[in-house]
Amino acid sequence: AQNAVNNAIRDGRIERKPCQICGTSDGVHGHHRDYAKPLEVTWLCPRCHHRMHAIFPELEGVNKGPTP
């Protein structure tokens, strides 16, 4: 999913946006809610991404597939 987003950014198919929580543009990356939809991302900075998973730990690993 990360490679798909990076390739889409490189190819101009999607555009990196500011963090959807705090609005910063520093270090923003795409957060995947569903890995089956690799180009559907929520743009988050590392700080907000970490906070989101701390507040909603049930989101960790959603739709990543079975763990070994």
Protein backbone atom coordinates (compact mmCIF):
# COMPACT_ATOMS: atom_id res chain seq x y z
CA ALA A 1 0.00 0.00 0.00
CA GLN A 2 2.84 2.39 0.83
CA ASN A 3 4.52 1.67 -2.50
CA ALA A 4 1.25 2.26 -4.33
CA VAL A 5 0.87 5.69 -2.68
CA ASN A 6 4.50 6.63 -3.31
CA ASN A 7 4.23 5.60 -6.97
CA ALA A 8 0.95 7.51 -7.38
CA ILE A 9 2.55 10.64 -5.89
CA ARG A 10 5.57 10.27 -8.17
CA ASP A 11 3.34 9.78 -11.23
CA GLY A 12 1.13 12.76 -10.33
CA ARG A 13 -2.01 10.63 -9.81
CA ILE A 14 -2.46 11.83 -6.22
CA GLU A 15 -1.10 14.80 -4.34
CA ARG A 16 0.31 14.84 -0.82
CA LYS A 17 -1.84 17.12 1.34
CA PRO A 18 -1.38 18.78 4.75
CA CYS A 19 -2.21 16.81 7.89
CA GLN A 20 -5.97 16.47 8.14
CA ILE A 21 -5.87 17.01 11.90
CA CYS A 22 -3.37 19.80 12.59
CA GLY A 23 -2.74 21.21 9.11
CA THR A 24 1.06 20.94 9.08
CA SER A 25 2.86 19.90 5.90
CA ASP A 26 5.96 18.59 7.71
CA GLY A 27 6.57 14.87 7.20
CA VAL A 28 2.99 14.12 6.17
CA HIS A 29 2.29 10.58 4.99
CA GLY A 30 -0.76 8.59 4.00
CA HIS A 31 -2.52 6.56 6.68
CA HIS A 32 -4.43 3.57 5.33
CA ARG A 33 -7.72 2.70 6.99
CA ASP A 34 -8.16 -0.22 4.59
CA TYR A 35 -5.16 -1.80 2.88
CA ALA A 36 -7.46 -3.25 0.23
CA LYS A 37 -7.89 0.36 -0.98
CA PRO A 38 -4.25 1.47 -1.19
CA LEU A 39 -4.88 4.88 -2.74
CA GLU A 40 -7.53 5.89 -0.20
CA VAL A 41 -5.44 7.57 2.48
CA THR A 42 -5.86 10.04 5.29
CA TRP A 43 -2.97 12.51 5.28
CA LEU A 44 -1.39 12.71 8.74
CA CYS A 45 1.83 14.04 10.22
CA PRO A 46 3.76 11.57 12.40
CA ARG A 47 2.62 13.27 15.62
CA CYS A 48 -1.10 13.13 14.78
CA HIS A 49 -0.76 9.60 13.36
CA HIS A 50 0.80 8.41 16.62
CA ARG A 51 -1.88 10.18 18.66
CA MET A 52 -4.64 8.65 16.57
CA HIS A 53 -3.35 5.13 17.23
CA ALA A 54 -2.86 5.93 20.93
CA ILE A 55 -6.46 7.14 21.23
CA PHE A 56 -7.93 4.44 18.97
CA PRO A 57 -5.72 1.34 19.40
CA GLU A 58 -8.42 -0.81 17.81
CA LEU A 59 -7.47 0.78 14.47
CA GLU A 60 -4.02 -0.76 14.61
CA GLY A 61 -3.77 -3.55 12.08
CA VAL A 62 -7.29 -3.16 10.66
CA ASN A 63 -7.49 -4.95 7.30
CA LYS A 64 -3.78 -5.75 7.19
CA GLY A 65 -4.59 -9.41 6.85
CA PRO A 66 -3.83 -12.32 9.16
CA THR A 67 -0.84 -12.13 11.43
CA PRO A 68 1.60 -15.03 11.35
